[in-house]
């Protein structure tokens, strides 16, 4: 991949990183707030548990996005960014524009998802 295109994707990744990191902190704080509520009714307790679980899952998702972004930045430094980690073919640039952290081309991503029992269709 050309240096100018790598620079473009690096800027996309760096622009997303602070947002994801901030969301991790916000979701963790929300989970802690939900856990510290003074719920007394069983319905209140159940709702608090659901709210806490959702906040934790959102925080996990954002943490994974931070890790994926860090890995993509590392691939840029190593010179393997934009190449499918499974087959080694170039990842379509439109796919990278939509999902700069993509590690697989659409075909390999579909095969991976199919093997995991997920709906077989290319995704980001």
PDB file of N, CA and C in Angstrom:
ATOM      1  N   UNK A   1       0.848  -1.174   0.000  1.00  0.00           N
ATOM      2  CA  UNK A   1       0.000   0.000   0.000  1.00  0.00           C
ATOM      3  C   UNK A   1       0.892   1.235   0.000  1.00  0.00           C
ATOM      4  N   UNK A   2       0.469   2.240  -0.731  1.00  0.00           N
ATOM      5  CA  UNK A   2       1.230   3.482  -0.834  1.00  0.00           C
ATOM      6  C   UNK A   2       1.317   4.191   0.517  1.00  0.00           C
ATOM      7  N   UNK A   3       2.407   4.909   0.713  1.00  0.00           N
ATOM      8  CA  UNK A   3       2.636   5.615   1.974  1.00  0.00           C
ATOM      9  C   UNK A   3       1.530   6.636   2.254  1.00  0.00           C
ATOM     10  N   UNK A   4       1.044   7.320   1.226  1.00  0.00           N
ATOM     11  CA  UNK A   4      -0.008   8.321   1.449  1.00  0.00           C
ATOM     12  C   UNK A   4      -1.302   7.660   1.922  1.00  0.00           C
ATOM     13  N   UNK A   5      -1.608   6.498   1.370  1.00  0.00           N
ATOM     14  CA  UNK A   5      -2.815   5.783   1.800  1.00  0.00           C
ATOM     15  C   UNK A   5      -2.641   5.251   3.222  1.00  0.00           C
ATOM     16  N   UNK A   6      -1.441   4.747   3.527  1.00  0.00           N
ATOM     17  CA  UNK A   6      -1.179   4.291   4.893  1.00  0.00           C
ATOM     18  C   UNK A   6      -1.338   5.445   5.884  1.00  0.00           C
ATOM     19  N   UNK A   7      -0.838   6.604   5.506  1.00  0.00           N
ATOM     20  CA  UNK A   7      -0.984   7.785   6.353  1.00  0.00           C
ATOM     21  C   UNK A   7      -2.437   8.143   6.576  1.00  0.00           C
ATOM     22  N   UNK A   8      -3.231   8.031   5.524  1.00  0.00           N
ATOM     23  CA  UNK A   8      -4.669   8.308   5.629  1.00  0.00           C
ATOM     24  C   UNK A   8      -5.331   7.360   6.625  1.00  0.00           C
ATOM     25  N   UNK A   9      -5.046   6.060   6.505  1.00  0.00           N
ATOM     26  CA  UNK A   9      -5.668   5.082   7.395  1.00  0.00           C
ATOM     27  C   UNK A   9      -5.149   5.230   8.831  1.00  0.00           C
ATOM     28  N   UNK A  10      -3.892   5.614   8.958  1.00  0.00           N
ATOM     29  CA  UNK A  10      -3.348   5.859  10.295  1.00  0.00           C
ATOM     30  C   UNK A  10      -4.085   7.007  10.962  1.00  0.00           C
ATOM     31  N   UNK A  11      -4.351   8.062  10.204  1.00  0.00           N
ATOM     32  CA  UNK A  11      -5.096   9.197  10.752  1.00  0.00           C
ATOM     33  C   UNK A  11      -6.519   8.800  11.133  1.00  0.00           C
ATOM     34  N   UNK A  12      -7.174   7.952  10.316  1.00  0.00           N
ATOM     35  CA  UNK A  12      -8.513   7.464  10.670  1.00  0.00           C
ATOM     36  C   UNK A  12      -8.482   6.712  11.995  1.00  0.00           C
ATOM     37  N   UNK A  13      -7.506   5.841  12.137  1.00  0.00           N
ATOM     38  CA  UNK A  13      -7.392   5.048  13.360  1.00  0.00           C
ATOM     39  C   UNK A  13      -7.099   5.923  14.569  1.00  0.00           C
ATOM     40  N   UNK A  14      -6.171   6.853  14.423  1.00  0.00           N
ATOM     41  CA  UNK A  14      -5.824   7.733  15.536  1.00  0.00           C
ATOM     42  C   UNK A  14      -6.987   8.634  15.927  1.00  0.00           C
ATOM     43  N   UNK A  15      -7.817   9.008  14.962  1.00  0.00           N
ATOM     44  CA  UNK A  15      -8.970   9.857  15.255  1.00  0.00           C
ATOM     45  C   UNK A  15     -10.023   9.100  16.068  1.00  0.00           C
ATOM     46  N   UNK A  16     -10.140   7.792  15.860  1.00  0.00           N
ATOM     47  CA  UNK A  16     -11.136   6.994  16.574  1.00  0.00           C
ATOM     48  C   UNK A  16     -10.697   6.621  17.980  1.00  0.00           C
ATOM     49  N   UNK A  17      -9.418   6.516  18.207  1.00  0.00           N
ATOM     50  CA  UNK A  17      -8.889   5.996  19.467  1.00  0.00           C
ATOM     51  C   UNK A  17      -9.371   6.759  20.707  1.00  0.00           C
ATOM     52  N   UNK A  18      -9.285   8.081  20.766  1.00  0.00           N
ATOM     53  CA  UNK A  18      -9.732   8.783  21.982  1.00  0.00           C
ATOM     54  C   UNK A  18     -11.216   8.571  22.281  1.00  0.00           C
ATOM     55  N   UNK A  19     -12.018   8.505  21.242  1.00  0.00           N
ATOM     56  CA  UNK A  19     -13.455   8.294  21.429  1.00  0.00           C
ATOM     57  C   UNK A  19     -13.732   6.940  22.078  1.00  0.00           C
ATOM     58  N   UNK A  20     -13.077   5.899  21.566  1.00  0.00           N
ATOM     59  CA  UNK A  20     -13.279   4.563  22.138  1.00  0.00           C
ATOM     60  C   UNK A  20     -12.767   4.500  23.575  1.00  0.00           C
ATOM     61  N   UNK A  21     -11.629   5.090  23.833  1.00  0.00           N
ATOM     62  CA  UNK A  21     -11.066   5.088  25.191  1.00  0.00           C
ATOM     63  C   UNK A  21     -11.991   5.819  26.157  1.00  0.00           C
ATOM     64  N   UNK A  22     -12.556   6.931  25.726  1.00  0.00           N
ATOM     65  CA  UNK A  22     -13.481   7.692  26.574  1.00  0.00           C
ATOM     66  C   UNK A  22     -14.735   6.869  26.856  1.00  0.00           C
ATOM     67  N   UNK A  23     -15.233   6.164  25.833  1.00  0.00           N
ATOM     68  CA  UNK A  23     -16.429   5.348  26.027  1.00  0.00           C
ATOM     69  C   UNK A  23     -16.183   4.199  27.010  1.00  0.00           C
ATOM     70  N   UNK A  24     -14.988   3.634  27.000  1.00  0.00           N
ATOM     71  CA  UNK A  24     -14.662   2.572  27.965  1.00  0.00           C
ATOM     72  C   UNK A  24     -14.835   3.113  29.374  1.00  0.00           C
ATOM     73  N   UNK A  25     -14.267   4.277  29.634  1.00  0.00           N
ATOM     74  CA  UNK A  25     -14.358   4.876  30.967  1.00  0.00           C
ATOM     75  C   UNK A  25     -15.797   5.190  31.340  1.00  0.00           C
ATOM     76  N   UNK A  26     -16.562   5.719  30.390  1.00  0.00           N
ATOM     77  CA  UNK A  26     -17.960   6.066  30.656  1.00  0.00           C
ATOM     78  C   UNK A  26     -18.788   4.832  30.970  1.00  0.00           C
ATOM     79  N   UNK A  27     -18.586   3.765  30.214  1.00  0.00           N
ATOM     80  CA  UNK A  27     -19.370   2.547  30.431  1.00  0.00           C
ATOM     81  C   UNK A  27     -18.993   1.893  31.756  1.00  0.00           C
ATOM     82  N   UNK A  28     -17.721   1.915  32.103  1.00  0.00           N
ATOM     83  CA  UNK A  28     -17.315   1.358  33.389  1.00  0.00           C
ATOM     84  C   UNK A  28     -17.911   2.176  34.533  1.00  0.00           C
ATOM     85  N   UNK A  29     -17.937   3.488  34.396  1.00  0.00           N
ATOM     86  CA  UNK A  29     -18.533   4.343  35.422  1.00  0.00           C
ATOM     87  C   UNK A  29     -20.032   4.072  35.534  1.00  0.00           C
ATOM     88  N   UNK A  30     -20.702   3.882  34.402  1.00  0.00           N
ATOM     89  CA  UNK A  30     -22.133   3.585  34.422  1.00  0.00           C
ATOM     90  C   UNK A  30     -22.408   2.264  35.121  1.00  0.00           C
ATOM     91  N   UNK A  31     -21.566   1.278  34.885  1.00  0.00           N
ATOM     92  CA  UNK A  31     -21.737  -0.025  35.537  1.00  0.00           C
ATOM     93  C   UNK A  31     -21.542   0.105  37.044  1.00  0.00           C
ATOM     94  N   UNK A  32     -20.551   0.899  37.455  1.00  0.00           N
ATOM     95  CA  UNK A  32     -20.324   1.101  38.880  1.00  0.00           C
ATOM     96  C   UNK A  32     -21.477   1.846  39.529  1.00  0.00           C
ATOM     97  N   UNK A  33     -22.015   2.848  38.824  1.00  0.00           N
ATOM     98  CA  UNK A  33     -23.169   3.586  39.339  1.00  0.00           C
ATOM     99  C   UNK A  33     -24.368   2.667  39.503  1.00  0.00           C
ATOM    100  N   UNK A  34     -24.592   1.807  38.525  1.00  0.00           N
ATOM    101  CA  UNK A  34     -25.731   0.886  38.595  1.00  0.00           C
ATOM    102  C   UNK A  34     -25.556  -0.078  39.758  1.00  0.00           C
ATOM    103  N   UNK A  35     -24.343  -0.508  40.005  1.00  0.00           N
ATOM    104  CA  UNK A  35     -24.087  -1.459  41.085  1.00  0.00           C
ATOM    105  C   UNK A  35     -24.266  -0.826  42.454  1.00  0.00           C
ATOM    106  N   UNK A  36     -24.106   0.486  42.547  1.00  0.00           N
ATOM    107  CA  UNK A  36     -24.184   1.146  43.842  1.00  0.00           C
ATOM    108  C   UNK A  36     -25.567   1.721  44.141  1.00  0.00           C
ATOM    109  N   UNK A  37     -26.548   1.535  43.245  1.00  0.00           N
ATOM    110  CA  UNK A  37     -27.906   2.018  43.492  1.00  0.00           C
ATOM    111  C   UNK A  37     -28.495   1.354  44.722  1.00  0.00           C
ATOM    112  N   UNK A  38     -29.370   2.067  45.393  1.00  0.00           N
ATOM    113  CA  UNK A  38     -30.036   1.522  46.578  1.00  0.00           C
ATOM    114  C   UNK A  38     -31.381   0.907  46.203  1.00  0.00           C
ATOM    115  N   UNK A  39     -31.354  -0.070  45.328  1.00  0.00           N
ATOM    116  CA  UNK A  39     -32.592  -0.732  44.906  1.00  0.00           C
ATOM    117  C   UNK A  39     -33.078  -1.649  46.020  1.00  0.00           C
ATOM    118  N   UNK A  40     -34.385  -1.587  46.266  1.00  0.00           N
ATOM    119  CA  UNK A  40     -34.959  -2.397  47.332  1.00  0.00           C
ATOM    120  C   UNK A  40     -35.990  -3.391  46.800  1.00  0.00           C
ATOM    121  N   UNK A  41     -36.717  -3.042  45.803  1.00  0.00           N
ATOM    122  CA  UNK A  41     -37.725  -3.926  45.208  1.00  0.00           C
ATOM    123  C   UNK A  41     -37.040  -4.920  44.281  1.00  0.00           C
ATOM    124  N   UNK A  42     -37.620  -6.100  44.139  1.00  0.00           N
ATOM    125  CA  UNK A  42     -37.018  -7.112  43.266  1.00  0.00           C
ATOM    126  C   UNK A  42     -36.982  -6.647  41.818  1.00  0.00           C
ATOM    127  N   UNK A  43     -37.986  -5.907  41.391  1.00  0.00           N
ATOM    128  CA  UNK A  43     -37.990  -5.380  40.017  1.00  0.00           C
ATOM    129  C   UNK A  43     -36.871  -4.360  39.843  1.00  0.00           C
ATOM    130  N   UNK A  44     -36.663  -3.550  40.876  1.00  0.00           N
ATOM    131  CA  UNK A  44     -35.566  -2.577  40.825  1.00  0.00           C
ATOM    132  C   UNK A  44     -34.218  -3.283  40.777  1.00  0.00           C
ATOM    133  N   UNK A  45     -34.083  -4.343  41.542  1.00  0.00           N
ATOM    134  CA  UNK A  45     -32.834  -5.111  41.550  1.00  0.00           C
ATOM    135  C   UNK A  45     -32.577  -5.746  40.193  1.00  0.00           C
ATOM    136  N   UNK A  46     -33.634  -6.307  39.596  1.00  0.00           N
ATOM    137  CA  UNK A  46     -33.491  -6.939  38.285  1.00  0.00           C
ATOM    138  C   UNK A  46     -33.104  -5.905  37.234  1.00  0.00           C
ATOM    139  N   UNK A  47     -33.749  -4.745  37.280  1.00  0.00           N
ATOM    140  CA  UNK A  47     -33.446  -3.686  36.317  1.00  0.00           C
ATOM    141  C   UNK A  47     -32.025  -3.184  36.508  1.00  0.00           C
ATOM    142  N   UNK A  48     -31.589  -3.055  37.741  1.00  0.00           N
ATOM    143  CA  UNK A  48     -30.222  -2.629  38.023  1.00  0.00           C
ATOM    144  C   UNK A  48     -29.225  -3.634  37.454  1.00  0.00           C
ATOM    145  N   UNK A  49     -29.519  -4.929  37.636  1.00  0.00           N
ATOM    146  CA  UNK A  49     -28.630  -5.969  37.119  1.00  0.00           C
ATOM    147  C   UNK A  49     -28.538  -5.924  35.598  1.00  0.00           C
ATOM    148  N   UNK A  50     -29.671  -5.719  34.948  1.00  0.00           N
ATOM    149  CA  UNK A  50     -29.680  -5.635  33.480  1.00  0.00           C
ATOM    150  C   UNK A  50     -28.901  -4.413  33.015  1.00  0.00           C
ATOM    151  N   UNK A  51     -29.121  -3.285  33.663  1.00  0.00           N
ATOM    152  CA  UNK A  51     -28.423  -2.048  33.305  1.00  0.00           C
ATOM    153  C   UNK A  51     -26.915  -2.210  33.495  1.00  0.00           C
ATOM    154  N   UNK A  52     -26.529  -2.832  34.602  1.00  0.00           N
ATOM    155  CA  UNK A  52     -25.111  -3.052  34.869  1.00  0.00           C
ATOM    156  C   UNK A  52     -24.498  -3.969  33.816  1.00  0.00           C
ATOM    157  N   UNK A  53     -25.208  -5.037  33.466  1.00  0.00           N
ATOM    158  CA  UNK A  53     -24.693  -5.977  32.467  1.00  0.00           C
ATOM    159  C   UNK A  53     -24.530  -5.307  31.104  1.00  0.00           C
ATOM    160  N   UNK A  54     -25.495  -4.497  30.714  1.00  0.00           N
ATOM    161  CA  UNK A  54     -25.412  -3.790  29.437  1.00  0.00           C
ATOM    162  C   UNK A  54     -24.222  -2.828  29.444  1.00  0.00           C
ATOM    163  N   UNK A  55     -24.063  -2.100  30.523  1.00  0.00           N
ATOM    164  CA  UNK A  55     -22.948  -1.149  30.612  1.00  0.00           C
ATOM    165  C   UNK A  55     -21.607  -1.880  30.526  1.00  0.00           C
ATOM    166  N   UNK A  56     -21.502  -3.023  31.194  1.00  0.00           N
ATOM    167  CA  UNK A  56     -20.262  -3.787  31.144  1.00  0.00           C
ATOM    168  C   UNK A  56     -19.991  -4.334  29.742  1.00  0.00           C
ATOM    169  N   UNK A  57     -21.030  -4.804  29.078  1.00  0.00           N
ATOM    170  CA  UNK A  57     -20.851  -5.325  27.718  1.00  0.00           C
ATOM    171  C   UNK A  57     -20.450  -4.213  26.754  1.00  0.00           C
ATOM    172  N   UNK A  58     -21.053  -3.049  26.906  1.00  0.00           N
ATOM    173  CA  UNK A  58     -20.657  -1.920  26.060  1.00  0.00           C
ATOM    174  C   UNK A  58     -19.209  -1.525  26.332  1.00  0.00           C
ATOM    175  N   UNK A  59     -18.817  -1.550  27.596  1.00  0.00           N
ATOM    176  CA  UNK A  59     -17.431  -1.251  27.941  1.00  0.00           C
ATOM    177  C   UNK A  59     -16.476  -2.280  27.346  1.00  0.00           C
ATOM    178  N   UNK A  60     -16.870  -3.564  27.381  1.00  0.00           N
ATOM    179  CA  UNK A  60     -16.042  -4.612  26.774  1.00  0.00           C
ATOM    180  C   UNK A  60     -15.905  -4.393  25.277  1.00  0.00           C
ATOM    181  N   UNK A  61     -17.009  -4.024  24.639  1.00  0.00           N
ATOM    182  CA  UNK A  61     -16.984  -3.783  23.186  1.00  0.00           C
ATOM    183  C   UNK A  61     -16.037  -2.633  22.854  1.00  0.00           C
ATOM    184  N   UNK A  62     -16.116  -1.575  23.621  1.00  0.00           N
ATOM    185  CA  UNK A  62     -15.242  -0.429  23.382  1.00  0.00           C
ATOM    186  C   UNK A  62     -13.782  -0.784  23.682  1.00  0.00           C
ATOM    187  N   UNK A  63     -13.557  -1.594  24.720  1.00  0.00           N
ATOM    188  CA  UNK A  63     -12.190  -2.039  25.019  1.00  0.00           C
ATOM    189  C   UNK A  63     -11.623  -2.843  23.865  1.00  0.00           C
ATOM    190  N   UNK A  64     -12.463  -3.680  23.262  1.00  0.00           N
ATOM    191  CA  UNK A  64     -12.028  -4.469  22.110  1.00  0.00           C
ATOM    192  C   UNK A  64     -11.708  -3.555  20.928  1.00  0.00           C
ATOM    193  N   UNK A  65     -12.493  -2.491  20.751  1.00  0.00           N
ATOM    194  CA  UNK A  65     -12.215  -1.540  19.671  1.00  0.00           C
ATOM    195  C   UNK A  65     -10.875  -0.843  19.892  1.00  0.00           C
ATOM    196  N   UNK A  66     -10.555  -0.514  21.137  1.00  0.00           N
ATOM    197  CA  UNK A  66      -9.252   0.099  21.438  1.00  0.00           C
ATOM    198  C   UNK A  66      -8.135  -0.886  21.083  1.00  0.00           C
ATOM    199  N   UNK A  67      -8.305  -2.144  21.486  1.00  0.00           N
ATOM    200  CA  UNK A  67      -7.289  -3.167  21.190  1.00  0.00           C
ATOM    201  C   UNK A  67      -7.153  -3.381  19.680  1.00  0.00           C
ATOM    202  N   UNK A  68      -8.284  -3.440  18.966  1.00  0.00           N
ATOM    203  CA  UNK A  68      -8.247  -3.615  17.513  1.00  0.00           C
ATOM    204  C   UNK A  68      -7.547  -2.444  16.828  1.00  0.00           C
ATOM    205  N   UNK A  69      -7.796  -1.239  17.328  1.00  0.00           N
ATOM    206  CA  UNK A  69      -7.155  -0.049  16.770  1.00  0.00           C
ATOM    207  C   UNK A  69      -5.655  -0.091  17.017  1.00  0.00           C
ATOM    208  N   UNK A  70      -5.260  -0.463  18.224  1.00  0.00           N
ATOM    209  CA  UNK A  70      -3.825  -0.586  18.527  1.00  0.00           C
ATOM    210  C   UNK A  70      -3.161  -1.624  17.625  1.00  0.00           C
ATOM    211  N   UNK A  71      -3.839  -2.745  17.393  1.00  0.00           N
ATOM    212  CA  UNK A  71      -3.292  -3.785  16.525  1.00  0.00           C
ATOM    213  C   UNK A  71      -3.159  -3.291  15.090  1.00  0.00           C
ATOM    214  N   UNK A  72      -4.151  -2.535  14.620  1.00  0.00           N
ATOM    215  CA  UNK A  72      -4.089  -1.996  13.253  1.00  0.00           C
ATOM    216  C   UNK A  72      -2.924  -1.013  13.119  1.00  0.00           C
ATOM    217  N   UNK A  73      -2.724  -0.171  14.124  1.00  0.00           N
ATOM    218  CA  UNK A  73      -1.599   0.765  14.093  1.00  0.00           C
ATOM    219  C   UNK A  73      -0.267   0.011  14.090  1.00  0.00           C
ATOM    220  N   UNK A  74      -0.204  -1.076  14.831  1.00  0.00           N
ATOM    221  CA  UNK A  74       1.000  -1.906  14.840  1.00  0.00           C
ATOM    222  C   UNK A  74       1.238  -2.534  13.467  1.00  0.00           C
ATOM    223  N   UNK A  75       0.162  -2.984  12.802  1.00  0.00           N
ATOM    224  CA  UNK A  75       0.303  -3.555  11.453  1.00  0.00           C
ATOM    225  C   UNK A  75       0.802  -2.506  10.465  1.00  0.00           C
ATOM    226  N   UNK A  76       0.393  -1.251  10.650  1.00  0.00           N
ATOM    227  CA  UNK A  76       0.902  -0.174   9.793  1.00  0.00           C
ATOM    228  C   UNK A  76       2.416  -0.061   9.986  1.00  0.00           C
ATOM    229  N   UNK A  77       2.863  -0.050  11.230  1.00  0.00           N
ATOM    230  CA  UNK A  77       4.292   0.069  11.528  1.00  0.00           C
ATOM    231  C   UNK A  77       5.078  -1.126  10.987  1.00  0.00           C
ATOM    232  N   UNK A  78       4.477  -2.319  11.052  1.00  0.00           N
ATOM    233  CA  UNK A  78       5.156  -3.543  10.592  1.00  0.00           C
ATOM    234  C   UNK A  78       5.113  -3.715   9.082  1.00  0.00           C
ATOM    235  N   UNK A  79       4.220  -2.974   8.422  1.00  0.00           N
ATOM    236  CA  UNK A  79       4.096  -3.082   6.973  1.00  0.00           C
ATOM    237  C   UNK A  79       3.106  -4.129   6.491  1.00  0.00           C
ATOM    238  N   UNK A  80       2.297  -4.666   7.396  1.00  0.00           N
ATOM    239  CA  UNK A  80       1.324  -5.686   6.993  1.00  0.00           C
ATOM    240  C   UNK A  80      -0.109  -5.163   6.956  1.00  0.00           C
ATOM    241  N   UNK A  81      -0.298  -3.863   7.206  1.00  0.00           N
ATOM    242  CA  UNK A  81      -1.647  -3.301   7.192  1.00  0.00           C
ATOM    243  C   UNK A  81      -2.224  -3.378   5.782  1.00  0.00           C
ATOM    244  N   UNK A  82      -3.487  -3.732   5.702  1.00  0.00           N
ATOM    245  CA  UNK A  82      -4.164  -3.804   4.410  1.00  0.00           C
ATOM    246  C   UNK A  82      -4.042  -5.155   3.735  1.00  0.00           C
ATOM    247  N   UNK A  83      -3.341  -6.080   4.384  1.00  0.00           N
ATOM    248  CA  UNK A  83      -3.224  -7.441   3.867  1.00  0.00           C
ATOM    249  C   UNK A  83      -4.015  -8.374   4.774  1.00  0.00           C
ATOM    250  N   UNK A  84      -4.777  -9.273   4.177  1.00  0.00           N
ATOM    251  CA  UNK A  84      -5.585 -10.220   4.934  1.00  0.00           C
ATOM    252  C   UNK A  84      -4.678 -11.107   5.779  1.00  0.00           C
ATOM    253  N   UNK A  85      -4.991 -11.220   7.062  1.00  0.00           N
ATOM    254  CA  UNK A  85      -4.194 -12.038   7.980  1.00  0.00           C
ATOM    255  C   UNK A  85      -4.385 -13.528   7.730  1.00  0.00           C
ATOM    256  N   UNK A  86      -5.395 -13.879   6.947  1.00  0.00           N
ATOM    257  CA  UNK A  86      -5.666 -15.294   6.682  1.00  0.00           C
ATOM    258  C   UNK A  86      -5.063 -15.757   5.364  1.00  0.00           C
ATOM    259  N   UNK A  87      -5.290 -14.981   4.293  1.00  0.00           N
ATOM    260  CA  UNK A  87      -4.847 -15.433   2.968  1.00  0.00           C
ATOM    261  C   UNK A  87      -3.713 -14.588   2.393  1.00  0.00           C
ATOM    262  N   UNK A  88      -3.456 -13.408   2.974  1.00  0.00           N
ATOM    263  CA  UNK A  88      -2.377 -12.557   2.511  1.00  0.00           C
ATOM    264  C   UNK A  88      -2.718 -11.644   1.343  1.00  0.00           C
ATOM    265  N   UNK A  89      -3.949 -11.747   0.823  1.00  0.00           N
ATOM    266  CA  UNK A  89      -4.352 -10.865  -0.278  1.00  0.00           C
ATOM    267  C   UNK A  89      -4.680  -9.471   0.257  1.00  0.00           C
ATOM    268  N   UNK A  90      -4.574  -8.456  -0.605  1.00  0.00           N
ATOM    269  CA  UNK A  90      -4.926  -7.096  -0.171  1.00  0.00           C
ATOM    270  C   UNK A  90      -6.408  -7.001   0.205  1.00  0.00           C
ATOM    271  N   UNK A  91      -6.682  -6.247   1.259  1.00  0.00           N
ATOM    272  CA  UNK A  91      -8.056  -5.967   1.676  1.00  0.00           C
ATOM    273  C   UNK A  91      -8.542  -4.780   0.859  1.00  0.00           C
ATOM    274  N   UNK A  92      -9.741  -4.884   0.322  1.00  0.00           N
ATOM    275  CA  UNK A  92     -10.312  -3.808  -0.490  1.00  0.00           C
ATOM    276  C   UNK A  92     -10.296  -2.502   0.311  1.00  0.00           C
ATOM    277  N   UNK A  93      -9.865  -1.430  -0.324  1.00  0.00           N
ATOM    278  CA  UNK A  93      -9.755  -0.138   0.367  1.00  0.00           C
ATOM    279  C   UNK A  93     -11.107   0.387   0.827  1.00  0.00           C
ATOM    280  N   UNK A  94     -12.175   0.054   0.106  1.00  0.00           N
ATOM    281  CA  UNK A  94     -13.513   0.470   0.555  1.00  0.00           C
ATOM    282  C   UNK A  94     -13.841  -0.188   1.892  1.00  0.00           C
ATOM    283  N   UNK A  95     -13.403  -1.423   2.062  1.00  0.00           N
ATOM    284  CA  UNK A  95     -13.612  -2.133   3.328  1.00  0.00           C
ATOM    285  C   UNK A  95     -12.814  -1.453   4.439  1.00  0.00           C
ATOM    286  N   UNK A  96     -11.584  -1.076   4.144  1.00  0.00           N
ATOM    287  CA  UNK A  96     -10.751  -0.401   5.138  1.00  0.00           C
ATOM    288  C   UNK A  96     -11.295   0.983   5.484  1.00  0.00           C
ATOM    289  N   UNK A  97     -11.900   1.664   4.514  1.00  0.00           N
ATOM    290  CA  UNK A  97     -12.525   2.962   4.799  1.00  0.00           C
ATOM    291  C   UNK A  97     -13.668   2.788   5.791  1.00  0.00           C
ATOM    292  N   UNK A  98     -14.458   1.729   5.607  1.00  0.00           N
ATOM    293  CA  UNK A  98     -15.601   1.481   6.486  1.00  0.00           C
ATOM    294  C   UNK A  98     -15.163   0.933   7.837  1.00  0.00           C
ATOM    295  N   UNK A  99     -14.126   0.097   7.835  1.00  0.00           N
ATOM    296  CA  UNK A  99     -13.635  -0.543   9.056  1.00  0.00           C
ATOM    297  C   UNK A  99     -12.109  -0.549   9.019  1.00  0.00           C
ATOM    298  N   UNK A 100     -11.490   0.549   9.433  1.00  0.00           N
ATOM    299  CA  UNK A 100     -10.030   0.648   9.345  1.00  0.00           C
ATOM    300  C   UNK A 100      -9.276  -0.426  10.132  1.00  0.00           C
ATOM    301  N   UNK A 101      -9.954  -1.081  11.067  1.00  0.00           N
ATOM    302  CA  UNK A 101      -9.301  -2.116  11.870  1.00  0.00           C
ATOM    303  C   UNK A 101      -9.422  -3.510  11.252  1.00  0.00           C
ATOM    304  N   UNK A 102     -10.018  -3.621  10.066  1.00  0.00           N
ATOM    305  CA  UNK A 102     -10.244  -4.935   9.445  1.00  0.00           C
ATOM    306  C   UNK A 102      -8.938  -5.701   9.283  1.00  0.00           C
ATOM    307  N   UNK A 103      -8.969  -6.978   9.675  1.00  0.00           N
ATOM    308  CA  UNK A 103      -7.795  -7.843   9.539  1.00  0.00           C
ATOM    309  C   UNK A 103      -7.946  -8.822   8.386  1.00  0.00           C
ATOM    310  N   UNK A 104      -9.180  -9.011   7.924  1.00  0.00           N
ATOM    311  CA  UNK A 104      -9.453 -10.006   6.897  1.00  0.00           C
ATOM    312  C   UNK A 104     -10.177  -9.373   5.725  1.00  0.00           C
ATOM    313  N   UNK A 105      -9.962  -9.935   4.518  1.00  0.00           N
ATOM    314  CA  UNK A 105     -10.760  -9.493   3.384  1.00  0.00           C
ATOM    315  C   UNK A 105     -12.168 -10.050   3.565  1.00  0.00           C
ATOM    316  N   UNK A 106     -13.109  -9.570   2.748  1.00  0.00           N
ATOM    317  CA  UNK A 106     -14.513  -9.940   2.920  1.00  0.00           C
ATOM    318  C   UNK A 106     -14.735 -11.445   2.784  1.00  0.00           C
ATOM    319  N   UNK A 107     -14.047 -12.071   1.844  1.00  0.00           N
ATOM    320  CA  UNK A 107     -14.212 -13.507   1.622  1.00  0.00           C
ATOM    321  C   UNK A 107     -13.751 -14.317   2.840  1.00  0.00           C
ATOM    322  N   UNK A 108     -12.604 -13.997   3.369  1.00  0.00           N
ATOM    323  CA  UNK A 108     -12.093 -14.715   4.540  1.00  0.00           C
ATOM    324  C   UNK A 108     -12.948 -14.428   5.778  1.00  0.00           C
ATOM    325  N   UNK A 109     -13.410 -13.193   5.923  1.00  0.00           N
ATOM    326  CA  UNK A 109     -14.274 -12.854   7.056  1.00  0.00           C
ATOM    327  C   UNK A 109     -15.553 -13.687   6.997  1.00  0.00           C
ATOM    328  N   UNK A 110     -16.124 -13.829   5.800  1.00  0.00           N
ATOM    329  CA  UNK A 110     -17.328 -14.644   5.643  1.00  0.00           C
ATOM    330  C   UNK A 110     -17.051 -16.099   5.994  1.00  0.00           C
ATOM    331  N   UNK A 111     -15.908 -16.622   5.587  1.00  0.00           N
ATOM    332  CA  UNK A 111     -15.546 -18.005   5.897  1.00  0.00           C
ATOM    333  C   UNK A 111     -15.364 -18.203   7.400  1.00  0.00           C
ATOM    334  N   UNK A 112     -14.758 -17.238   8.056  1.00  0.00           N
ATOM    335  CA  UNK A 112     -14.551 -17.304   9.506  1.00  0.00           C
ATOM    336  C   UNK A 112     -15.898 -17.301  10.220  1.00  0.00           C
ATOM    337  N   UNK A 113     -16.777 -16.399   9.805  1.00  0.00           N
ATOM    338  CA  UNK A 113     -18.094 -16.314  10.430  1.00  0.00           C
ATOM    339  C   UNK A 113     -18.909 -17.579  10.178  1.00  0.00           C
ATOM    340  N   UNK A 114     -18.800 -18.124   8.982  1.00  0.00           N
ATOM    341  CA  UNK A 114     -19.520 -19.358   8.672  1.00  0.00           C
ATOM    342  C   UNK A 114     -19.012 -20.503   9.545  1.00  0.00           C
ATOM    343  N   UNK A 115     -17.715 -20.577   9.743  1.00  0.00           N
ATOM    344  CA  UNK A 115     -17.127 -21.627  10.576  1.00  0.00           C
ATOM    345  C   UNK A 115     -17.580 -21.494  12.031  1.00  0.00           C
ATOM    346  N   UNK A 116     -17.849 -20.274  12.460  1.00  0.00           N
ATOM    347  CA  UNK A 116     -18.320 -20.038  13.823  1.00  0.00           C
ATOM    348  C   UNK A 116     -19.832 -20.204  13.940  1.00  0.00           C
ATOM    349  N   UNK A 117     -20.492 -20.499  12.792  1.00  0.00           N
ATOM    350  CA  UNK A 117     -21.940 -20.668  12.815  1.00  0.00           C
ATOM    351  C   UNK A 117     -22.708 -19.377  12.679  1.00  0.00           C
ATOM    352  N   UNK A 118     -22.028 -18.326  12.307  1.00  0.00           N
ATOM    353  CA  UNK A 118     -22.703 -17.049  12.104  1.00  0.00           C
ATOM    354  C   UNK A 118     -23.265 -17.007  10.696  1.00  0.00           C
ATOM    355  N   UNK A 119     -24.176 -16.105  10.461  1.00  0.00           N
ATOM    356  CA  UNK A 119     -24.769 -15.963   9.141  1.00  0.00           C
ATOM    357  C   UNK A 119     -23.668 -15.712   8.113  1.00  0.00           C
ATOM    358  N   UNK A 120     -23.662 -16.496   7.057  1.00  0.00           N
ATOM    359  CA  UNK A 120     -22.599 -16.429   6.053  1.00  0.00           C
ATOM    360  C   UNK A 120     -22.841 -15.281   5.095  1.00  0.00           C
ATOM    361  N   UNK A 121     -22.254 -14.129   5.389  1.00  0.00           N
ATOM    362  CA  UNK A 121     -22.283 -12.980   4.503  1.00  0.00           C
ATOM    363  C   UNK A 121     -21.089 -12.103   4.846  1.00  0.00           C
ATOM    364  N   UNK A 122     -20.512 -11.450   3.872  1.00  0.00           N
ATOM    365  CA  UNK A 122     -19.382 -10.582   4.170  1.00  0.00           C
ATOM    366  C   UNK A 122     -19.803  -9.447   5.093  1.00  0.00           C
ATOM    367  N   UNK A 123     -18.991  -9.173   6.078  1.00  0.00           N
ATOM    368  CA  UNK A 123     -19.237  -8.077   7.002  1.00  0.00           C
ATOM    369  C   UNK A 123     -17.993  -7.240   7.122  1.00  0.00           C
ATOM    370  N   UNK A 124     -18.119  -6.167   7.860  1.00  0.00           N
ATOM    371  CA  UNK A 124     -16.966  -5.307   8.087  1.00  0.00           C
ATOM    372  C   UNK A 124     -16.158  -5.930   9.174  1.00  0.00           C
TER     373      UNK A 124
END
